[in-house]
Structures are given as C-alpha cells and as structure tokens.
Amino acid sequence: MDSFLTLETKIVEMLRTVFDPEIPVNVYDLGLIYKIEVSDNKNVTIDMTLTAPNCPAADFIVEDVKMKVESVENIGKVEINLVFEPEWDKEMMSEEAKLELGLL
C-alpha cells in the first residue's frame, strides 16, 4: 500500500504534466498549486490558482488537473478549489520555470 508521501509524490508528478496552453511550463512549477491534501481515505483536495483571474483556459486547466490526479492509482475522490488569495505572481515559480521562461 502506498504511503501518503508516495501518493503525494505521484500526484505532483501528474501535476507536472498539466500545462497552461499559453505558457510552456507546467502548473506545479509555475507555482499555481497552493495545497495538496490527501485524506485518510485517499480523497484529494487541491487548492490552486491561475496566472490571471480571467484566464481563458481556466476550465481546461482545472479539468486537466482533476483528470490527471484522478488517474493516479489508489486515489479516491478529487476536489479542486480555485482560489485567488494569495494572488499569484512570478516569484512563486520554481527556478526551473523561471529559467525556461528566460526570467533568470
């Protein structure tokens, strides 16, 4: 049976396969994932944001996150909460993302 740490690692791996169609960096390294919570019964709650509140790809990105996380083995129900506090800014990106986008 997977430990919660391993399960969270698998979730992060899947999140790294979700891209904003307008930015060539995944949502995890962009810093759009604020919280990943795995309950005792392996239901997952994710708090995430977007680079802009009026992002035209919002529905696509949120649905892609949900589908990818649901595909992780042994996961129960997946709930995605779209939040805008704190507001996202480019300082939330990983070093790799900043490098990819030429910000370093």
PDB file of N, CA and C in Angstrom:
ATOM      1  N   MET A   1       0.846  -1.194   0.000  1.00  0.00           N
ATOM      2  CA  MET A   1       0.000   0.000   0.000  1.00  0.00           C
ATOM      3  C   MET A   1       0.887   1.253   0.000  1.00  0.00           C
ATOM      4  N   ASP A   2       0.474   2.257  -0.768  1.00  0.00           N
ATOM      5  CA  ASP A   2       1.244   3.492  -0.877  1.00  0.00           C
ATOM      6  C   ASP A   2       1.213   4.276   0.433  1.00  0.00           C
ATOM      7  N   SER A   3       2.341   4.832   0.790  1.00  0.00           N
ATOM      8  CA  SER A   3       2.336   5.779   1.895  1.00  0.00           C
ATOM      9  C   SER A   3       1.801   7.097   1.353  1.00  0.00           C
ATOM     10  N   PHE A   4       1.347   7.964   2.243  1.00  0.00           N
ATOM     11  CA  PHE A   4       0.797   9.242   1.791  1.00  0.00           C
ATOM     12  C   PHE A   4       1.869  10.074   1.102  1.00  0.00           C
ATOM     13  N   LEU A   5       3.110   9.974   1.570  1.00  0.00           N
ATOM     14  CA  LEU A   5       4.190  10.721   0.942  1.00  0.00           C
ATOM     15  C   LEU A   5       4.366  10.267  -0.505  1.00  0.00           C
ATOM     16  N   THR A   6       4.361   8.957  -0.727  1.00  0.00           N
ATOM     17  CA  THR A   6       4.495   8.422  -2.075  1.00  0.00           C
ATOM     18  C   THR A   6       3.313   8.845  -2.929  1.00  0.00           C
ATOM     19  N   LEU A   7       2.121   8.813  -2.354  1.00  0.00           N
ATOM     20  CA  LEU A   7       0.927   9.224  -3.085  1.00  0.00           C
ATOM     21  C   LEU A   7       1.029  10.697  -3.470  1.00  0.00           C
ATOM     22  N   GLU A   8       1.471  11.530  -2.551  1.00  0.00           N
ATOM     23  CA  GLU A   8       1.624  12.954  -2.861  1.00  0.00           C
ATOM     24  C   GLU A   8       2.686  13.152  -3.950  1.00  0.00           C
ATOM     25  N   THR A   9       3.766  12.373  -3.897  1.00  0.00           N
ATOM     26  CA  THR A   9       4.804  12.450  -4.924  1.00  0.00           C
ATOM     27  C   THR A   9       4.222  12.091  -6.288  1.00  0.00           C
ATOM     28  N   LYS A  10       3.390  11.058  -6.338  1.00  0.00           N
ATOM     29  CA  LYS A  10       2.754  10.660  -7.606  1.00  0.00           C
ATOM     30  C   LYS A  10       1.804  11.751  -8.105  1.00  0.00           C
ATOM     31  N   ILE A  11       1.113  12.403  -7.182  1.00  0.00           N
ATOM     32  CA  ILE A  11       0.210  13.498  -7.556  1.00  0.00           C
ATOM     33  C   ILE A  11       1.023  14.644  -8.161  1.00  0.00           C
ATOM     34  N   VAL A  12       2.138  14.989  -7.519  1.00  0.00           N
ATOM     35  CA  VAL A  12       2.989  16.072  -8.026  1.00  0.00           C
ATOM     36  C   VAL A  12       3.528  15.704  -9.410  1.00  0.00           C
ATOM     37  N   GLU A  13       3.935  14.442  -9.591  1.00  0.00           N
ATOM     38  CA  GLU A  13       4.409  14.004 -10.911  1.00  0.00           C
ATOM     39  C   GLU A  13       3.328  14.222 -11.969  1.00  0.00           C
ATOM     40  N   MET A  14       2.076  13.903 -11.639  1.00  0.00           N
ATOM     41  CA  MET A  14       0.985  14.097 -12.591  1.00  0.00           C
ATOM     42  C   MET A  14       0.727  15.579 -12.831  1.00  0.00           C
ATOM     43  N   LEU A  15       0.809  16.394 -11.785  1.00  0.00           N
ATOM     44  CA  LEU A  15       0.591  17.833 -11.941  1.00  0.00           C
ATOM     45  C   LEU A  15       1.634  18.450 -12.864  1.00  0.00           C
ATOM     46  N   ARG A  16       2.803  17.842 -12.892  1.00  0.00           N
ATOM     47  CA  ARG A  16       3.865  18.350 -13.774  1.00  0.00           C
ATOM     48  C   ARG A  16       3.594  18.017 -15.238  1.00  0.00           C
ATOM     49  N   THR A  17       2.504  17.289 -15.531  1.00  0.00           N
ATOM     50  CA  THR A  17       2.131  17.005 -16.921  1.00  0.00           C
ATOM     51  C   THR A  17       0.997  17.921 -17.396  1.00  0.00           C
ATOM     52  N   VAL A  18       0.563  18.836 -16.528  1.00  0.00           N
ATOM     53  CA  VAL A  18      -0.516  19.773 -16.876  1.00  0.00           C
ATOM     54  C   VAL A  18       0.106  21.126 -17.211  1.00  0.00           C
ATOM     55  N   PHE A  19      -0.198  21.626 -18.404  1.00  0.00           N
ATOM     56  CA  PHE A  19       0.384  22.888 -18.849  1.00  0.00           C
ATOM     57  C   PHE A  19      -0.694  23.910 -19.138  1.00  0.00           C
ATOM     58  N   ASP A  20      -0.385  25.152 -18.825  1.00  0.00           N
ATOM     59  CA  ASP A  20      -1.199  26.267 -19.282  1.00  0.00           C
ATOM     60  C   ASP A  20      -0.913  26.349 -20.784  1.00  0.00           C
ATOM     61  N   PRO A  21      -1.950  26.330 -21.638  1.00  0.00           N
ATOM     62  CA  PRO A  21      -1.707  26.323 -23.085  1.00  0.00           C
ATOM     63  C   PRO A  21      -0.918  27.538 -23.580  1.00  0.00           C
ATOM     64  N   GLU A  22      -0.897  28.614 -22.803  1.00  0.00           N
ATOM     65  CA  GLU A  22      -0.212  29.825 -23.244  1.00  0.00           C
ATOM     66  C   GLU A  22       1.216  29.934 -22.712  1.00  0.00           C
ATOM     67  N   ILE A  23       1.588  29.043 -21.784  1.00  0.00           N
ATOM     68  CA  ILE A  23       2.915  29.112 -21.156  1.00  0.00           C
ATOM     69  C   ILE A  23       3.541  27.717 -21.203  1.00  0.00           C
ATOM     70  N   PRO A  24       4.771  27.589 -21.704  1.00  0.00           N
ATOM     71  CA  PRO A  24       5.382  26.256 -21.845  1.00  0.00           C
ATOM     72  C   PRO A  24       5.966  25.700 -20.541  1.00  0.00           C
ATOM     73  N   VAL A  25       5.261  25.910 -19.424  1.00  0.00           N
ATOM     74  CA  VAL A  25       5.716  25.423 -18.116  1.00  0.00           C
ATOM     75  C   VAL A  25       4.511  24.793 -17.428  1.00  0.00           C
ATOM     76  N   ASN A  26       4.746  23.707 -16.689  1.00  0.00           N
ATOM     77  CA  ASN A  26       3.636  23.014 -16.022  1.00  0.00           C
ATOM     78  C   ASN A  26       3.101  23.815 -14.830  1.00  0.00           C
ATOM     79  N   VAL A  27       1.861  23.497 -14.449  1.00  0.00           N
ATOM     80  CA  VAL A  27       1.177  24.264 -13.396  1.00  0.00           C
ATOM     81  C   VAL A  27       1.873  24.157 -12.039  1.00  0.00           C
ATOM     82  N   TYR A  28       2.531  23.031 -11.776  1.00  0.00           N
ATOM     83  CA  TYR A  28       3.210  22.873 -10.494  1.00  0.00           C
ATOM     84  C   TYR A  28       4.423  23.803 -10.407  1.00  0.00           C
ATOM     85  N   ASP A  29       5.260  23.790 -11.447  1.00  0.00           N
ATOM     86  CA  ASP A  29       6.457  24.627 -11.431  1.00  0.00           C
ATOM     87  C   ASP A  29       6.131  26.109 -11.612  1.00  0.00           C
ATOM     88  N   LEU A  30       4.960  26.399 -12.180  1.00  0.00           N
ATOM     89  CA  LEU A  30       4.517  27.796 -12.268  1.00  0.00           C
ATOM     90  C   LEU A  30       4.127  28.334 -10.893  1.00  0.00           C
ATOM     91  N   GLY A  31       3.929  27.431  -9.928  1.00  0.00           N
ATOM     92  CA  GLY A  31       3.534  27.859  -8.584  1.00  0.00           C
ATOM     93  C   GLY A  31       2.028  28.037  -8.452  1.00  0.00           C
ATOM     94  N   LEU A  32       1.273  27.401  -9.344  1.00  0.00           N
ATOM     95  CA  LEU A  32      -0.190  27.547  -9.307  1.00  0.00           C
ATOM     96  C   LEU A  32      -0.857  26.605  -8.314  1.00  0.00           C
ATOM     97  N   ILE A  33      -0.128  25.617  -7.809  1.00  0.00           N
ATOM     98  CA  ILE A  33      -0.686  24.668  -6.840  1.00  0.00           C
ATOM     99  C   ILE A  33      -0.308  25.156  -5.440  1.00  0.00           C
ATOM    100  N   TYR A  34      -1.309  25.565  -4.676  1.00  0.00           N
ATOM    101  CA  TYR A  34      -1.060  26.102  -3.344  1.00  0.00           C
ATOM    102  C   TYR A  34      -1.068  25.025  -2.264  1.00  0.00           C
ATOM    103  N   LYS A  35      -1.935  24.004  -2.422  1.00  0.00           N
ATOM    104  CA  LYS A  35      -2.036  22.992  -1.361  1.00  0.00           C
ATOM    105  C   LYS A  35      -2.529  21.681  -1.958  1.00  0.00           C
ATOM    106  N   ILE A  36      -1.920  20.583  -1.506  1.00  0.00           N
ATOM    107  CA  ILE A  36      -2.373  19.234  -1.851  1.00  0.00           C
ATOM    108  C   ILE A  36      -2.643  18.538  -0.537  1.00  0.00           C
ATOM    109  N   GLU A  37      -3.875  18.098  -0.348  1.00  0.00           N
ATOM    110  CA  GLU A  37      -4.256  17.431   0.892  1.00  0.00           C
ATOM    111  C   GLU A  37      -4.788  16.041   0.551  1.00  0.00           C
ATOM    112  N   VAL A  38      -4.222  15.014   1.177  1.00  0.00           N
ATOM    113  CA  VAL A  38      -4.681  13.645   0.968  1.00  0.00           C
ATOM    114  C   VAL A  38      -5.277  13.163   2.286  1.00  0.00           C
ATOM    115  N   SER A  39      -6.566  12.815   2.267  1.00  0.00           N
ATOM    116  CA  SER A  39      -7.236  12.364   3.497  1.00  0.00           C
ATOM    117  C   SER A  39      -6.900  10.903   3.772  1.00  0.00           C
ATOM    118  N   ASP A  40      -7.308  10.426   4.948  1.00  0.00           N
ATOM    119  CA  ASP A  40      -7.067   9.038   5.333  1.00  0.00           C
ATOM    120  C   ASP A  40      -7.664   8.056   4.332  1.00  0.00           C
ATOM    121  N   ASN A  41      -8.803   8.409   3.725  1.00  0.00           N
ATOM    122  CA  ASN A  41      -9.422   7.505   2.746  1.00  0.00           C
ATOM    123  C   ASN A  41      -8.961   7.808   1.321  1.00  0.00           C
ATOM    124  N   LYS A  42      -7.865   8.578   1.209  1.00  0.00           N
ATOM    125  CA  LYS A  42      -7.177   8.880  -0.055  1.00  0.00           C
ATOM    126  C   LYS A  42      -7.969   9.756  -1.010  1.00  0.00           C
ATOM    127  N   ASN A  43      -8.907  10.524  -0.453  1.00  0.00           N
ATOM    128  CA  ASN A  43      -9.530  11.578  -1.245  1.00  0.00           C
ATOM    129  C   ASN A  43      -8.537  12.728  -1.286  1.00  0.00           C
ATOM    130  N   VAL A  44      -8.526  13.460  -2.386  1.00  0.00           N
ATOM    131  CA  VAL A  44      -7.542  14.518  -2.585  1.00  0.00           C
ATOM    132  C   VAL A  44      -8.257  15.858  -2.752  1.00  0.00           C
ATOM    133  N   THR A  45      -7.753  16.859  -2.043  1.00  0.00           N
ATOM    134  CA  THR A  45      -8.230  18.232  -2.209  1.00  0.00           C
ATOM    135  C   THR A  45      -7.032  19.068  -2.627  1.00  0.00           C
ATOM    136  N   ILE A  46      -7.199  19.809  -3.712  1.00  0.00           N
ATOM    137  CA  ILE A  46      -6.127  20.659  -4.206  1.00  0.00           C
ATOM    138  C   ILE A  46      -6.629  22.090  -4.270  1.00  0.00           C
ATOM    139  N   ASP A  47      -5.861  23.000  -3.661  1.00  0.00           N
ATOM    140  CA  ASP A  47      -6.109  24.435  -3.811  1.00  0.00           C
ATOM    141  C   ASP A  47      -5.138  24.920  -4.868  1.00  0.00           C
ATOM    142  N   MET A  48      -5.684  25.554  -5.892  1.00  0.00           N
ATOM    143  CA  MET A  48      -4.829  26.062  -6.959  1.00  0.00           C
ATOM    144  C   MET A  48      -5.331  27.414  -7.425  1.00  0.00           C
ATOM    145  N   THR A  49      -4.486  28.113  -8.152  1.00  0.00           N
ATOM    146  CA  THR A  49      -4.851  29.405  -8.700  1.00  0.00           C
ATOM    147  C   THR A  49      -4.510  29.428 -10.175  1.00  0.00           C
ATOM    148  N   LEU A  50      -4.673  30.563 -10.791  1.00  0.00           N
ATOM    149  CA  LEU A  50      -4.330  30.769 -12.193  1.00  0.00           C
ATOM    150  C   LEU A  50      -3.409  31.978 -12.279  1.00  0.00           C
ATOM    151  N   THR A  51      -2.720  32.123 -13.395  1.00  0.00           N
ATOM    152  CA  THR A  51      -1.830  33.273 -13.539  1.00  0.00           C
ATOM    153  C   THR A  51      -2.622  34.577 -13.595  1.00  0.00           C
ATOM    154  N   ALA A  52      -3.892  34.485 -14.015  1.00  0.00           N
ATOM    155  CA  ALA A  52      -4.777  35.654 -14.045  1.00  0.00           C
ATOM    156  C   ALA A  52      -6.206  35.187 -13.789  1.00  0.00           C
ATOM    157  N   PRO A  53      -6.984  35.925 -13.000  1.00  0.00           N
ATOM    158  CA  PRO A  53      -8.353  35.508 -12.677  1.00  0.00           C
ATOM    159  C   PRO A  53      -9.238  35.312 -13.912  1.00  0.00           C
ATOM    160  N   ASN A  54      -8.971  36.039 -14.987  1.00  0.00           N
ATOM    161  CA  ASN A  54      -9.791  35.914 -16.190  1.00  0.00           C
ATOM    162  C   ASN A  54      -9.124  35.043 -17.253  1.00  0.00           C
ATOM    163  N   CYS A  55      -8.292  34.108 -16.826  1.00  0.00           N
ATOM    164  CA  CYS A  55      -7.582  33.209 -17.733  1.00  0.00           C
ATOM    165  C   CYS A  55      -8.578  32.491 -18.640  1.00  0.00           C
ATOM    166  N   PRO A  56      -8.427  32.620 -19.969  1.00  0.00           N
ATOM    167  CA  PRO A  56      -9.373  31.998 -20.890  1.00  0.00           C
ATOM    168  C   PRO A  56      -9.320  30.462 -20.866  1.00  0.00           C
ATOM    169  N   ALA A  57      -8.215  29.903 -20.379  1.00  0.00           N
ATOM    170  CA  ALA A  57      -8.072  28.445 -20.342  1.00  0.00           C
ATOM    171  C   ALA A  57      -8.407  27.859 -18.973  1.00  0.00           C
ATOM    172  N   ALA A  58      -9.025  28.641 -18.097  1.00  0.00           N
ATOM    173  CA  ALA A  58      -9.281  28.207 -16.714  1.00  0.00           C
ATOM    174  C   ALA A  58      -9.997  26.863 -16.644  1.00  0.00           C
ATOM    175  N   ASP A  59     -11.121  26.718 -17.337  1.00  0.00           N
ATOM    176  CA  ASP A  59     -11.881  25.470 -17.273  1.00  0.00           C
ATOM    177  C   ASP A  59     -11.050  24.293 -17.763  1.00  0.00           C
ATOM    178  N   PHE A  60     -10.325  24.498 -18.848  1.00  0.00           N
ATOM    179  CA  PHE A  60      -9.480  23.448 -19.408  1.00  0.00           C
ATOM    180  C   PHE A  60      -8.410  23.014 -18.407  1.00  0.00           C
ATOM    181  N   ILE A  61      -7.727  23.976 -17.798  1.00  0.00           N
ATOM    182  CA  ILE A  61      -6.640  23.666 -16.871  1.00  0.00           C
ATOM    183  C   ILE A  61      -7.162  22.945 -15.634  1.00  0.00           C
ATOM    184  N   VAL A  62      -8.247  23.449 -15.048  1.00  0.00           N
ATOM    185  CA  VAL A  62      -8.814  22.831 -13.843  1.00  0.00           C
ATOM    186  C   VAL A  62      -9.282  21.404 -14.147  1.00  0.00           C
ATOM    187  N   GLU A  63      -9.930  21.203 -15.272  1.00  0.00           N
ATOM    188  CA  GLU A  63     -10.404  19.863 -15.646  1.00  0.00           C
ATOM    189  C   GLU A  63      -9.220  18.933 -15.907  1.00  0.00           C
ATOM    190  N   ASP A  64      -8.162  19.436 -16.528  1.00  0.00           N
ATOM    191  CA  ASP A  64      -6.966  18.633 -16.792  1.00  0.00           C
ATOM    192  C   ASP A  64      -6.312  18.218 -15.473  1.00  0.00           C
ATOM    193  N   VAL A  65      -6.205  19.144 -14.520  1.00  0.00           N
ATOM    194  CA  VAL A  65      -5.655  18.815 -13.200  1.00  0.00           C
ATOM    195  C   VAL A  65      -6.483  17.703 -12.563  1.00  0.00           C
ATOM    196  N   LYS A  66      -7.800  17.851 -12.570  1.00  0.00           N
ATOM    197  CA  LYS A  66      -8.697  16.869 -11.950  1.00  0.00           C
ATOM    198  C   LYS A  66      -8.537  15.492 -12.603  1.00  0.00           C
ATOM    199  N   MET A  67      -8.566  15.446 -13.929  1.00  0.00           N
ATOM    200  CA  MET A  67      -8.459  14.164 -14.638  1.00  0.00           C
ATOM    201  C   MET A  67      -7.108  13.500 -14.405  1.00  0.00           C
ATOM    202  N   LYS A  68      -6.040  14.283 -14.422  1.00  0.00           N
ATOM    203  CA  LYS A  68      -4.702  13.700 -14.236  1.00  0.00           C
ATOM    204  C   LYS A  68      -4.541  13.148 -12.818  1.00  0.00           C
ATOM    205  N   VAL A  69      -5.022  13.890 -11.812  1.00  0.00           N
ATOM    206  CA  VAL A  69      -4.898  13.427 -10.427  1.00  0.00           C
ATOM    207  C   VAL A  69      -5.782  12.197 -10.211  1.00  0.00           C
ATOM    208  N   GLU A  70      -6.973  12.192 -10.796  1.00  0.00           N
ATOM    209  CA  GLU A  70      -7.848  11.017 -10.681  1.00  0.00           C
ATOM    210  C   GLU A  70      -7.215   9.772 -11.291  1.00  0.00           C
ATOM    211  N   SER A  71      -6.304   9.948 -12.235  1.00  0.00           N
ATOM    212  CA  SER A  71      -5.674   8.797 -12.886  1.00  0.00           C
ATOM    213  C   SER A  71      -4.580   8.156 -12.038  1.00  0.00           C
ATOM    214  N   VAL A  72      -4.180   8.805 -10.944  1.00  0.00           N
ATOM    215  CA  VAL A  72      -3.170   8.227 -10.050  1.00  0.00           C
ATOM    216  C   VAL A  72      -3.795   7.036  -9.323  1.00  0.00           C
ATOM    217  N   GLU A  73      -3.072   5.934  -9.312  1.00  0.00           N
ATOM    218  CA  GLU A  73      -3.568   4.707  -8.683  1.00  0.00           C
ATOM    219  C   GLU A  73      -3.853   4.910  -7.196  1.00  0.00           C
ATOM    220  N   ASN A  74      -4.945   4.326  -6.711  1.00  0.00           N
ATOM    221  CA  ASN A  74      -5.355   4.347  -5.303  1.00  0.00           C
ATOM    222  C   ASN A  74      -5.905   5.683  -4.816  1.00  0.00           C
ATOM    223  N   ILE A  75      -6.217   6.585  -5.729  1.00  0.00           N
ATOM    224  CA  ILE A  75      -6.792   7.882  -5.343  1.00  0.00           C
ATOM    225  C   ILE A  75      -8.307   7.738  -5.266  1.00  0.00           C
ATOM    226  N   GLY A  76      -8.900   8.374  -4.252  1.00  0.00           N
ATOM    227  CA  GLY A  76     -10.354   8.399  -4.136  1.00  0.00           C
ATOM    228  C   GLY A  76     -10.919   9.551  -4.940  1.00  0.00           C
ATOM    229  N   LYS A  77     -11.771  10.325  -4.296  1.00  0.00           N
ATOM    230  CA  LYS A  77     -12.404  11.480  -4.929  1.00  0.00           C
ATOM    231  C   LYS A  77     -11.403  12.636  -5.003  1.00  0.00           C
ATOM    232  N   VAL A  78     -11.496  13.429  -6.077  1.00  0.00           N
ATOM    233  CA  VAL A  78     -10.609  14.583  -6.243  1.00  0.00           C
ATOM    234  C   VAL A  78     -11.451  15.847  -6.288  1.00  0.00           C
ATOM    235  N   GLU A  79     -11.085  16.811  -5.445  1.00  0.00           N
ATOM    236  CA  GLU A  79     -11.775  18.096  -5.417  1.00  0.00           C
ATOM    237  C   GLU A  79     -10.753  19.193  -5.686  1.00  0.00           C
ATOM    238  N   ILE A  80     -11.068  20.060  -6.647  1.00  0.00           N
ATOM    239  CA  ILE A  80     -10.189  21.175  -6.983  1.00  0.00           C
ATOM    240  C   ILE A  80     -10.853  22.469  -6.526  1.00  0.00           C
ATOM    241  N   ASN A  81     -10.166  23.224  -5.698  1.00  0.00           N
ATOM    242  CA  ASN A  81     -10.647  24.539  -5.266  1.00  0.00           C
ATOM    243  C   ASN A  81      -9.831  25.597  -5.983  1.00  0.00           C
ATOM    244  N   LEU A  82     -10.508  26.432  -6.759  1.00  0.00           N
ATOM    245  CA  LEU A  82      -9.839  27.522  -7.445  1.00  0.00           C
ATOM    246  C   LEU A  82      -9.861  28.736  -6.520  1.00  0.00           C
ATOM    247  N   VAL A  83      -8.670  29.192  -6.128  1.00  0.00           N
ATOM    248  CA  VAL A  83      -8.566  30.301  -5.182  1.00  0.00           C
ATOM    249  C   VAL A  83      -7.722  31.420  -5.794  1.00  0.00           C
ATOM    250  N   PHE A  84      -7.943  32.637  -5.331  1.00  0.00           N
ATOM    251  CA  PHE A  84      -7.173  33.768  -5.845  1.00  0.00           C
ATOM    252  C   PHE A  84      -6.502  34.558  -4.727  1.00  0.00           C
ATOM    253  N   GLU A  85      -6.432  33.943  -3.543  1.00  0.00           N
ATOM    254  CA  GLU A  85      -5.705  34.530  -2.414  1.00  0.00           C
ATOM    255  C   GLU A  85      -4.724  33.481  -1.920  1.00  0.00           C
ATOM    256  N   PRO A  86      -3.456  33.747  -1.809  1.00  0.00           N
ATOM    257  CA  PRO A  86      -2.833  34.979  -2.261  1.00  0.00           C
ATOM    258  C   PRO A  86      -2.792  35.036  -3.787  1.00  0.00           C
ATOM    259  N   GLU A  87      -2.733  36.243  -4.299  1.00  0.00           N
ATOM    260  CA  GLU A  87      -2.664  36.433  -5.740  1.00  0.00           C
ATOM    261  C   GLU A  87      -1.337  35.890  -6.260  1.00  0.00           C
ATOM    262  N   TRP A  88      -1.388  35.179  -7.390  1.00  0.00           N
ATOM    263  CA  TRP A  88      -0.176  34.598  -7.972  1.00  0.00           C
ATOM    264  C   TRP A  88       0.731  35.694  -8.524  1.00  0.00           C
ATOM    265  N   ASP A  89       2.038  35.499  -8.355  1.00  0.00           N
ATOM    266  CA  ASP A  89       2.992  36.335  -9.088  1.00  0.00           C
ATOM    267  C   ASP A  89       4.200  35.480  -9.463  1.00  0.00           C
ATOM    268  N   LYS A  90       5.018  35.996 -10.348  1.00  0.00           N
ATOM    269  CA  LYS A  90       6.088  35.172 -10.923  1.00  0.00           C
ATOM    270  C   LYS A  90       7.125  34.706  -9.904  1.00  0.00           C
ATOM    271  N   GLU A  91       7.150  35.300  -8.724  1.00  0.00           N
ATOM    272  CA  GLU A  91       8.080  34.847  -7.683  1.00  0.00           C
ATOM    273  C   GLU A  91       7.704  33.462  -7.143  1.00  0.00           C
ATOM    274  N   MET A  92       6.490  33.006  -7.425  1.00  0.00           N
ATOM    275  CA  MET A  92       6.032  31.696  -6.953  1.00  0.00           C
ATOM    276  C   MET A  92       6.540  30.554  -7.839  1.00  0.00           C
ATOM    277  N   MET A  93       7.128  30.901  -8.984  1.00  0.00           N
ATOM    278  CA  MET A  93       7.624  29.879  -9.912  1.00  0.00           C
ATOM    279  C   MET A  93       8.895  29.228  -9.386  1.00  0.00           C
ATOM    280  N   SER A  94       9.089  27.970  -9.783  1.00  0.00           N
ATOM    281  CA  SER A  94      10.334  27.281  -9.436  1.00  0.00           C
ATOM    282  C   SER A  94      11.475  27.901 -10.238  1.00  0.00           C
ATOM    283  N   GLU A  95      12.700  27.634  -9.805  1.00  0.00           N
ATOM    284  CA  GLU A  95      13.872  28.127 -10.534  1.00  0.00           C
ATOM    285  C   GLU A  95      13.858  27.604 -11.974  1.00  0.00           C
ATOM    286  N   GLU A  96      13.451  26.322 -12.145  1.00  0.00           N
ATOM    287  CA  GLU A  96      13.408  25.718 -13.478  1.00  0.00           C
ATOM    288  C   GLU A  96      12.433  26.470 -14.384  1.00  0.00           C
ATOM    289  N   ALA A  97      11.274  26.843 -13.831  1.00  0.00           N
ATOM    290  CA  ALA A  97      10.276  27.564 -14.613  1.00  0.00           C
ATOM    291  C   ALA A  97      10.804  28.938 -15.015  1.00  0.00           C
ATOM    292  N   LYS A  98      11.457  29.620 -14.078  1.00  0.00           N
ATOM    293  CA  LYS A  98      11.997  30.941 -14.377  1.00  0.00           C
ATOM    294  C   LYS A  98      13.075  30.834 -15.469  1.00  0.00           C
ATOM    295  N   LEU A  99      13.889  29.792 -15.387  1.00  0.00           N
ATOM    296  CA  LEU A  99      14.927  29.573 -16.381  1.00  0.00           C
ATOM    297  C   LEU A  99      14.295  29.307 -17.744  1.00  0.00           C
ATOM    298  N   GLU A 100      13.295  28.441 -17.773  1.00  0.00           N
ATOM    299  CA  GLU A 100      12.587  28.085 -19.018  1.00  0.00           C
ATOM    300  C   GLU A 100      11.993  29.315 -19.687  1.00  0.00           C
ATOM    301  N   LEU A 101      11.499  30.250 -18.890  1.00  0.00           N
ATOM    302  CA  LEU A 101      10.847  31.434 -19.433  1.00  0.00           C
ATOM    303  C   LEU A 101      11.801  32.621 -19.592  1.00  0.00           C
ATOM    304  N   GLY A 102      13.095  32.374 -19.328  1.00  0.00           N
ATOM    305  CA  GLY A 102      14.093  33.419 -19.516  1.00  0.00           C
ATOM    306  C   GLY A 102      14.023  34.527 -18.471  1.00  0.00           C
ATOM    307  N   LEU A 103      13.573  34.178 -17.263  1.00  0.00           N
ATOM    308  CA  LEU A 103      13.467  35.179 -16.209  1.00  0.00           C
ATOM    309  C   LEU A 103      14.661  35.160 -15.254  1.00  0.00           C
ATOM    310  N   LEU A 104      15.636  34.297 -15.535  1.00  0.00           N
ATOM    311  CA  LEU A 104      16.850  34.241 -14.699  1.00  0.00           C
ATOM    312  C   LEU A 104      18.061  34.670 -15.515  1.00  0.00           C
TER     313      LEU A 104
END
